[in-house]
């Protein structure tokens, strides 16, 4: 993650959000409590906001016709770490019935927006809390297959609480998503782990770590280097020298880098890896291309990684 100062526009956005609620009624909490029950009382879809589109994609597919999901970060060129919320974002958060944020220090701006409009009737899911990680831990939980399954289960359970009349509908959506929609994703995770588990890899930043752990791959890149690139700080000369040696001696079999955060140091390592004949593959921080589903995005990246691992193994 790259924790940076919050936008100078954020206080104004928070004020707009608060005023948006105040203009409609004096009792924010009671109104939000009433609207939070709309799914069961009026048949209206649950209003959902996701801070990032990787979680928003999952929430959309689990909710179907009974949830209307808005993802704040939906542009592949936007950086979720230092995103500057707009007045429209404030209005969306102010009227939402269910909010999904990543947490773990990744999207503090979303916490600010929610805190500006407290409501006893709104349910909130903070992924970091769900998986037991606090700020300082690795925030990239959408790259952990096990954590993704936890999020799927929690979103479904929360939908059922918000709209109990449609509980069976949400249960059916969850089953379909797990067994059919994610079938190729699950198969790739399983086959990579079975065939290439224990393979040593290198990476550009900590976004790759949860994926490597989920696939049973051995991360050789120093954690301090991975964190430095993720946080936007300069890696140490010692770490860079260690990675240069790993590449030169082919201690790593595949190099994986985040193409949305390709610093000069990372570019140099990619060049060195290719020159050494080490297969290189990429991941991205957010859904690419714009509008892609979570599973299409992940499957494309997993297939590329599997191909790189097969190339490294001489298959």
Protein backbone atom coordinates (compact mmCIF):
# COMPACT_ATOMS: atom_id res chain seq x y z
CA UNK A 1 0.00 0.00 0.00
CA UNK A 2 1.08 3.63 -0.46
CA UNK A 3 -0.33 5.66 2.49
CA UNK A 4 -0.30 9.31 1.44
CA UNK A 5 -1.86 12.50 2.79
CA UNK A 6 -5.60 12.63 2.30
CA UNK A 7 -6.83 15.05 -0.32
CA UNK A 8 -7.22 18.65 0.72
CA UNK A 9 -10.69 18.45 -0.79
CA UNK A 10 -11.79 15.71 1.55
CA UNK A 11 -13.16 17.93 4.38
CA UNK A 12 -15.34 19.77 1.86
CA UNK A 13 -16.61 16.48 0.46
CA UNK A 14 -17.47 15.25 3.91
CA UNK A 15 -19.35 18.45 4.58
CA UNK A 16 -21.32 18.05 1.37
CA UNK A 17 -22.24 14.50 2.35
CA UNK A 18 -23.41 15.58 5.79
CA UNK A 19 -25.40 18.49 4.39
CA UNK A 20 -26.97 16.16 1.84
CA UNK A 21 -28.48 14.13 4.63
CA UNK A 22 -29.41 17.11 6.75
CA UNK A 23 -31.34 18.74 3.94
CA UNK A 24 -33.58 15.71 3.64
CA UNK A 25 -34.37 15.17 7.31
CA UNK A 26 -33.30 16.03 10.84
CA UNK A 27 -33.02 12.45 12.10
CA UNK A 28 -30.28 10.81 10.03
CA UNK A 29 -30.09 7.58 11.99
CA UNK A 30 -33.80 6.86 11.99
CA UNK A 31 -34.14 7.60 8.29
CA UNK A 32 -31.19 5.35 7.47
CA UNK A 33 -32.69 2.61 9.64
CA UNK A 34 -35.92 2.83 7.71
CA UNK A 35 -34.23 2.77 4.30
CA UNK A 36 -32.00 -0.11 5.38
CA UNK A 37 -35.13 -2.24 5.57
CA UNK A 38 -36.29 -1.24 2.10
CA UNK A 39 -35.16 -4.50 0.52
CA UNK A 40 -37.62 -6.50 2.59
CA UNK A 41 -40.46 -4.01 2.89
CA UNK A 42 -40.69 -2.46 -0.56
CA UNK A 43 -38.89 -4.88 -2.86
CA UNK A 44 -36.42 -2.14 -3.79
CA UNK A 45 -32.84 -3.33 -4.33
CA UNK A 46 -30.37 -2.83 -1.49
CA UNK A 47 -28.25 0.26 -2.09
CA UNK A 48 -24.62 -0.80 -1.87
CA UNK A 49 -21.38 1.15 -2.17
CA UNK A 50 -17.98 -0.52 -2.55
CA UNK A 51 -14.85 1.55 -2.16
CA UNK A 52 -13.10 -0.50 -4.86
CA UNK A 53 -14.44 -2.26 -7.92
CA UNK A 54 -12.82 -5.63 -7.22
CA UNK A 55 -15.11 -6.01 -4.20
CA UNK A 56 -17.91 -4.19 -6.04
CA UNK A 57 -17.86 -6.75 -8.85
CA UNK A 58 -18.34 -9.58 -6.38
CA UNK A 59 -21.08 -7.70 -4.52
CA UNK A 60 -22.90 -7.01 -7.80
CA UNK A 61 -22.91 -10.65 -8.85
CA UNK A 62 -24.01 -11.88 -5.43
CA UNK A 63 -26.79 -9.30 -5.22
CA UNK A 64 -28.27 -9.73 -8.67
CA UNK A 65 -31.56 -7.91 -9.15
CA UNK A 66 -31.89 -7.27 -5.42
CA UNK A 67 -28.81 -5.08 -4.99
CA UNK A 68 -27.70 -1.91 -6.74
CA UNK A 69 -23.93 -1.59 -6.34
CA UNK A 70 -21.83 1.51 -6.94
CA UNK A 71 -18.05 1.18 -6.95
CA UNK A 72 -16.20 4.40 -6.16
CA UNK A 73 -12.88 3.26 -7.65
CA UNK A 74 -13.76 2.02 -11.12
CA UNK A 75 -11.09 3.63 -13.31
CA UNK A 76 -8.01 1.43 -13.88
CA UNK A 77 -5.89 4.59 -13.84
CA UNK A 78 -7.07 5.67 -10.38
CA UNK A 79 -4.90 4.88 -7.37
CA UNK A 80 -7.05 3.58 -4.49
CA UNK A 81 -4.41 4.61 -1.95
CA UNK A 82 -4.61 8.35 -2.57
CA UNK A 83 -8.00 8.69 -4.24
CA UNK A 84 -9.67 12.09 -3.87
CA UNK A 85 -13.41 11.60 -3.19
CA UNK A 86 -15.88 13.80 -5.02
CA UNK A 87 -19.09 15.41 -3.81
CA UNK A 88 -20.99 12.72 -5.74
CA UNK A 89 -19.11 10.06 -3.77
CA UNK A 90 -20.22 11.76 -0.57
CA UNK A 91 -23.85 11.74 -1.66
CA UNK A 92 -23.63 8.06 -2.62
CA UNK A 93 -22.16 7.10 0.76
CA UNK A 94 -24.71 9.24 2.60
CA UNK A 95 -27.63 7.23 1.23
CA UNK A 96 -26.15 3.74 1.10
CA UNK A 97 -27.59 0.84 3.08
CA UNK A 98 -24.48 -1.34 2.85
CA UNK A 99 -20.86 -0.24 2.53
CA UNK A 100 -17.87 -2.40 1.66
CA UNK A 101 -14.37 -1.06 2.29
CA UNK A 102 -11.05 -2.85 2.20
CA UNK A 103 -9.51 -1.43 5.36
CA UNK A 104 -6.00 -2.35 6.63
CA UNK A 105 -4.96 1.24 5.93
CA UNK A 106 -5.68 0.86 2.23
CA UNK A 107 -8.66 3.20 1.77
CA UNK A 108 -8.72 5.55 4.75
CA UNK A 109 -10.63 8.10 2.65
CA UNK A 110 -13.60 5.68 2.57
CA UNK A 111 -13.54 5.41 6.36
CA UNK A 112 -13.69 9.21 6.52
CA UNK A 113 -16.72 9.36 4.24
CA UNK A 114 -18.57 6.76 6.30
CA UNK A 115 -17.65 8.39 9.59
CA UNK A 116 -19.09 11.69 8.38
CA UNK A 117 -22.51 10.03 8.09
CA UNK A 118 -23.00 7.56 10.96
CA UNK A 119 -26.13 5.42 10.82
CA UNK A 120 -27.32 2.59 12.99
CA UNK A 121 -29.27 1.23 10.05
CA UNK A 122 -26.36 0.94 7.64
CA UNK A 123 -24.32 -2.27 7.58
CA UNK A 124 -20.62 -1.97 6.93
CA UNK A 125 -18.10 -4.60 5.91
CA UNK A 126 -14.44 -3.86 6.46
CA UNK A 127 -12.50 -6.68 4.84
CA UNK A 128 -9.48 -6.22 7.08
CA UNK A 129 -11.60 -6.76 10.18
CA UNK A 130 -13.23 -9.81 8.61
CA UNK A 131 -9.91 -11.53 7.94
CA UNK A 132 -8.28 -10.33 11.16
CA UNK A 133 -5.72 -7.85 9.80
CA UNK A 134 -4.98 -4.37 11.12
CA UNK A 135 -3.26 -1.39 9.44
CA UNK A 136 0.32 -2.42 8.76
CA UNK A 137 -0.72 -5.83 7.46
CA UNK A 138 -0.83 -6.67 3.76
CA UNK A 139 -4.03 -4.99 2.48
CA UNK A 140 -4.29 -6.75 -0.89
CA UNK A 141 -6.77 -9.38 0.29
CA UNK A 142 -8.57 -9.71 -3.06
CA UNK A 143 -5.48 -11.63 -4.17
CA UNK A 144 -5.98 -14.22 -1.42
CA UNK A 145 -8.36 -16.97 -2.61
CA UNK A 146 -9.17 -17.90 1.00
CA UNK A 147 -10.02 -14.31 1.92
CA UNK A 148 -12.15 -13.91 -1.20
CA UNK A 149 -14.24 -16.87 -0.05
CA UNK A 150 -14.69 -15.24 3.36
CA UNK A 151 -15.86 -12.01 1.73
CA UNK A 152 -18.34 -13.89 -0.47
CA UNK A 153 -19.87 -15.59 2.55
CA UNK A 154 -20.10 -12.35 4.56
CA UNK A 155 -21.65 -10.30 1.76
CA UNK A 156 -24.28 -12.99 1.26
CA UNK A 157 -25.06 -13.12 4.98
CA UNK A 158 -25.32 -9.33 5.16
CA UNK A 159 -27.63 -9.22 2.15
CA UNK A 160 -29.87 -11.77 3.85
CA UNK A 161 -30.00 -9.67 7.01
CA UNK A 162 -30.82 -6.51 5.09
CA UNK A 163 -33.42 -8.25 2.93
CA UNK A 164 -34.63 -11.40 4.75
CA UNK A 165 -37.54 -11.83 2.36
CA UNK A 166 -35.04 -12.65 -0.39
CA UNK A 167 -32.68 -14.79 1.71
CA UNK A 168 -33.17 -17.85 -0.51
CA UNK A 169 -32.44 -15.78 -3.60
CA UNK A 170 -29.11 -14.62 -2.16
CA UNK A 171 -28.21 -18.15 -1.07
CA UNK A 172 -28.82 -19.37 -4.61
CA UNK A 173 -26.71 -16.54 -6.05
CA UNK A 174 -23.86 -17.44 -3.70
CA UNK A 175 -23.97 -21.12 -4.68
CA UNK A 176 -23.96 -20.29 -8.38
CA UNK A 177 -21.13 -17.81 -7.96
CA UNK A 178 -18.99 -20.24 -5.96
CA UNK A 179 -19.58 -23.36 -8.05
CA UNK A 180 -20.09 -22.03 -11.57
CA UNK A 181 -18.99 -18.42 -11.94
CA UNK A 182 -15.70 -19.00 -10.11
CA UNK A 183 -15.20 -22.53 -11.48
CA UNK A 184 -12.29 -21.62 -13.76
CA UNK A 185 -10.73 -19.38 -11.11
CA UNK A 186 -10.95 -22.16 -8.53
CA UNK A 187 -9.59 -24.72 -10.97
CA UNK A 188 -6.58 -22.56 -11.83
CA UNK A 189 -5.80 -21.89 -8.17
CA UNK A 190 -5.95 -25.63 -7.46
CA UNK A 191 -3.93 -26.74 -10.47
CA UNK A 192 -1.18 -24.15 -10.00
CA UNK A 193 -0.84 -25.11 -6.35
CA UNK A 194 -0.74 -28.82 -7.18
CA UNK A 195 1.67 -28.59 -10.10
CA UNK A 196 3.93 -25.69 -9.14
CA UNK A 197 3.66 -25.47 -5.37
CA UNK A 198 7.02 -24.59 -3.82
CA UNK A 199 8.34 -22.87 -6.95
CA UNK A 200 10.47 -19.84 -6.09
CA UNK A 201 9.28 -16.56 -7.55
CA UNK A 202 10.25 -12.91 -7.38
CA UNK A 203 7.89 -9.95 -7.36
CA UNK A 204 7.83 -6.19 -7.57
CA UNK A 205 5.62 -5.44 -4.58
CA UNK A 206 3.53 -6.87 -1.77
CA UNK A 207 0.37 -7.13 -3.87
CA UNK A 208 1.75 -10.46 -5.11
CA UNK A 209 2.33 -11.92 -1.63
CA UNK A 210 -1.26 -13.04 -0.83
CA UNK A 211 -1.50 -14.63 -4.26
CA UNK A 212 1.80 -16.48 -3.82
CA UNK A 213 0.64 -17.73 -0.42
CA UNK A 214 -2.69 -18.89 -1.86
CA UNK A 215 -0.95 -20.74 -4.69
CA UNK A 216 1.75 -22.29 -2.53
CA UNK A 217 4.55 -20.45 -4.32
CA UNK A 218 7.76 -19.46 -2.50
CA UNK A 219 8.37 -15.70 -2.44
CA UNK A 220 12.12 -14.97 -2.46
CA UNK A 221 12.00 -11.20 -2.87
CA UNK A 222 12.79 -9.48 0.46
CA UNK A 223 9.62 -8.33 2.17
CA UNK A 224 11.21 -4.94 2.86
CA UNK A 225 11.59 -4.38 -0.89
CA UNK A 226 8.01 -5.47 -1.61
CA UNK A 227 6.71 -3.09 1.05
CA UNK A 228 8.88 -0.20 -0.13
CA UNK A 229 7.54 -0.36 -3.69
CA UNK A 230 3.96 -0.74 -2.44
CA UNK A 231 4.34 2.22 -0.07
CA UNK A 232 6.06 4.46 -2.59
CA UNK A 233 9.38 4.67 -0.70
CA UNK A 234 12.90 4.01 -1.93
CA UNK A 235 14.11 0.41 -1.52
CA UNK A 236 17.49 -0.14 0.08
CA UNK A 237 20.62 -0.77 -1.91
CA UNK A 238 20.99 -4.06 -0.05
CA UNK A 239 17.57 -5.28 -1.17
CA UNK A 240 18.20 -4.30 -4.76
CA UNK A 241 21.54 -6.10 -4.69
CA UNK A 242 19.86 -9.21 -3.26
CA UNK A 243 17.28 -9.24 -6.04
CA UNK A 244 19.93 -8.66 -8.71
CA UNK A 245 21.75 -11.72 -7.39
CA UNK A 246 18.54 -13.80 -7.33
CA UNK A 247 17.91 -12.92 -10.96
CA UNK A 248 21.51 -13.42 -12.09
CA UNK A 249 21.73 -16.84 -10.42
CA UNK A 250 18.21 -17.76 -11.50
CA UNK A 251 17.16 -18.47 -7.94
CA UNK A 252 13.72 -17.21 -8.92
CA UNK A 253 11.91 -19.05 -11.69
CA UNK A 254 9.28 -16.41 -12.52
CA UNK A 255 9.09 -12.66 -11.92
CA UNK A 256 5.67 -11.07 -11.27
CA UNK A 257 5.13 -7.33 -11.27
CA UNK A 258 2.28 -4.87 -10.88
CA UNK A 259 2.10 -3.09 -14.23
CA UNK A 260 0.15 -0.23 -12.64
CA UNK A 261 3.11 0.59 -10.36
CA UNK A 262 6.18 0.06 -12.47
CA UNK A 263 8.92 2.18 -10.90
CA UNK A 264 12.42 2.59 -12.41
CA UNK A 265 13.70 -0.06 -9.99
CA UNK A 266 10.98 -2.47 -11.06
CA UNK A 267 11.56 -1.73 -14.74
CA UNK A 268 15.25 -2.50 -14.26
CA UNK A 269 14.43 -5.84 -12.62
CA UNK A 270 11.98 -6.76 -15.39
CA UNK A 271 14.69 -6.03 -17.97
CA UNK A 272 17.24 -8.09 -16.02
CA UNK A 273 14.84 -11.02 -15.62
CA UNK A 274 14.02 -11.11 -19.33
CA UNK A 275 17.71 -10.91 -20.20
CA UNK A 276 18.36 -13.86 -17.87
CA UNK A 277 15.64 -15.90 -19.54
CA UNK A 278 13.32 -15.75 -16.54
CA UNK A 279 9.63 -15.62 -17.55
CA UNK A 280 7.92 -12.36 -16.56
CA UNK A 281 4.19 -11.91 -16.00
CA UNK A 282 2.01 -9.09 -14.69
CA UNK A 283 -0.84 -8.35 -12.32
CA UNK A 284 -2.77 -5.13 -11.75
CA UNK A 285 -4.11 -3.55 -8.60
CA UNK A 286 -7.63 -2.90 -9.87
CA UNK A 287 -9.92 -4.45 -12.46
CA UNK A 288 -8.57 -4.22 -15.98
CA UNK A 289 -9.85 -3.51 -18.47
CA UNK A 290 -12.49 -1.15 -17.11
CA UNK A 291 -15.77 -3.01 -16.71
CA UNK A 292 -14.18 -6.46 -16.39
CA UNK A 293 -15.63 -8.85 -13.82
CA UNK A 294 -13.55 -10.00 -10.87
CA UNK A 295 -13.33 -13.55 -12.22
CA UNK A 296 -12.46 -12.59 -15.81
CA UNK A 297 -9.65 -10.36 -14.53
CA UNK A 298 -8.26 -12.94 -12.14
CA UNK A 299 -8.55 -15.85 -14.58
CA UNK A 300 -6.64 -13.93 -17.24
CA UNK A 301 -3.82 -13.22 -14.78
CA UNK A 302 -3.75 -16.75 -13.38
CA UNK A 303 -3.54 -18.24 -16.86
CA UNK A 304 -0.61 -15.96 -17.68
CA UNK A 305 1.11 -16.92 -14.43
CA UNK A 306 0.52 -20.62 -15.07
CA UNK A 307 2.01 -20.25 -18.54
CA UNK A 308 5.05 -18.50 -17.09
CA UNK A 309 5.50 -21.26 -14.50
CA UNK A 310 5.17 -23.92 -17.20
CA UNK A 311 7.77 -22.10 -19.33
CA UNK A 312 10.12 -21.94 -16.36
CA UNK A 313 9.66 -25.66 -15.74
CA UNK A 314 10.38 -26.43 -19.38
CA UNK A 315 6.90 -27.80 -20.00
